[in-house]
Protein backbone atom coordinates (compact mmCIF):
# COMPACT_ATOMS: atom_id res chain seq x y z
CA MET A 1 85.88 49.72 27.44
CA SER A 2 86.75 50.56 23.85
CA ASP A 3 89.31 53.19 22.86
CA TRP A 4 87.82 55.63 20.32
CA GLY A 5 90.73 58.06 20.34
CA PRO A 6 92.42 56.77 17.14
CA VAL A 7 89.13 56.66 15.28
CA PHE A 8 88.23 60.23 16.38
CA VAL A 9 91.62 61.65 15.49
CA ALA A 10 91.69 59.87 12.09
CA VAL A 11 88.13 61.13 11.14
CA VAL A 12 88.92 64.70 12.19
CA LEU A 13 92.23 64.84 10.44
CA PHE A 14 90.69 63.29 7.26
CA ILE A 15 87.99 65.97 7.20
CA LEU A 16 90.36 68.83 7.87
CA LEU A 17 93.04 67.64 5.40
CA THR A 18 90.91 66.75 2.43
CA PRO A 19 92.59 68.73 -0.37
CA GLY A 20 90.52 71.62 -1.60
CA LEU A 21 87.85 71.44 1.15
CA LEU A 22 89.33 73.90 3.63
CA ILE A 23 92.85 74.52 2.20
CA GLN A 24 94.92 73.27 -0.68
CA VAL A 25 98.70 73.12 -0.39
CA PRO A 26 100.13 73.75 -3.03
CA GLY A 27 97.37 75.62 -4.77
CA ARG A 28 97.01 76.09 -8.48
CA ASN A 29 97.91 79.77 -8.45
CA ARG A 30 99.37 80.36 -4.97
CA LEU A 31 101.16 78.27 -2.37
CA VAL A 32 98.06 78.01 -0.16
CA GLU A 33 94.52 78.41 -1.43
CA PHE A 34 91.39 78.37 0.79
CA GLY A 35 88.13 76.63 -0.09
CA ASN A 36 88.60 76.34 -3.84
CA PHE A 37 87.07 72.80 -4.08
CA GLN A 38 89.82 71.76 -6.55
CA THR A 39 92.75 69.40 -6.23
CA SER A 40 95.82 68.17 -8.05
CA GLY A 41 98.13 65.18 -7.78
CA VAL A 42 100.81 67.12 -5.98
CA SER A 43 98.22 68.53 -3.51
CA ILE A 44 96.99 64.96 -2.77
CA LEU A 45 100.55 63.88 -2.14
CA VAL A 46 101.37 66.83 0.22
CA HIS A 47 98.11 66.36 2.13
CA SER A 48 98.70 62.55 2.52
CA ILE A 49 102.19 63.23 3.96
CA LEU A 50 100.74 65.78 6.37
CA TYR A 51 97.98 63.38 7.33
CA PHE A 52 100.48 60.62 7.97
CA ALA A 53 102.77 62.83 10.06
CA LEU A 54 99.98 64.29 12.16
CA ILE A 55 98.37 60.95 12.86
CA CYS A 56 101.69 59.50 13.95
CA ILE A 57 102.21 62.48 16.26
CA PHE A 58 98.74 62.35 17.82
CA LEU A 59 98.51 58.52 18.11
CA LEU A 60 102.08 57.47 18.87
CA ALA A 61 103.81 60.50 20.52
CA VAL A 62 100.95 62.18 22.32
CA GLY A 63 98.76 59.00 22.80
CA VAL A 64 95.28 60.33 22.43
CA HIS A 65 92.69 58.03 24.18
CA VAL A 66 88.94 58.47 24.33
CA TYR A 67 86.98 55.85 26.31
CA ILE A 68 83.26 55.61 25.68
CA GLY A 69 81.04 53.11 27.44
CA SER A 70 81.37 51.23 30.72
């Protein structure tokens, strides 16, 4: 059996935390902007730190496991 939990968590977090797709922290004019499809260097840094923190929490602390197959 293969464990697809880490792959699933990484893909979902990558999609949700892509700067400018759903949210951008910090935004160009405000602290948080929604769906503006723009990004900046600071925004990329903030989103990468959030991604790293959340993936560590979900994979190491919570231990998400999804088994597919027999």
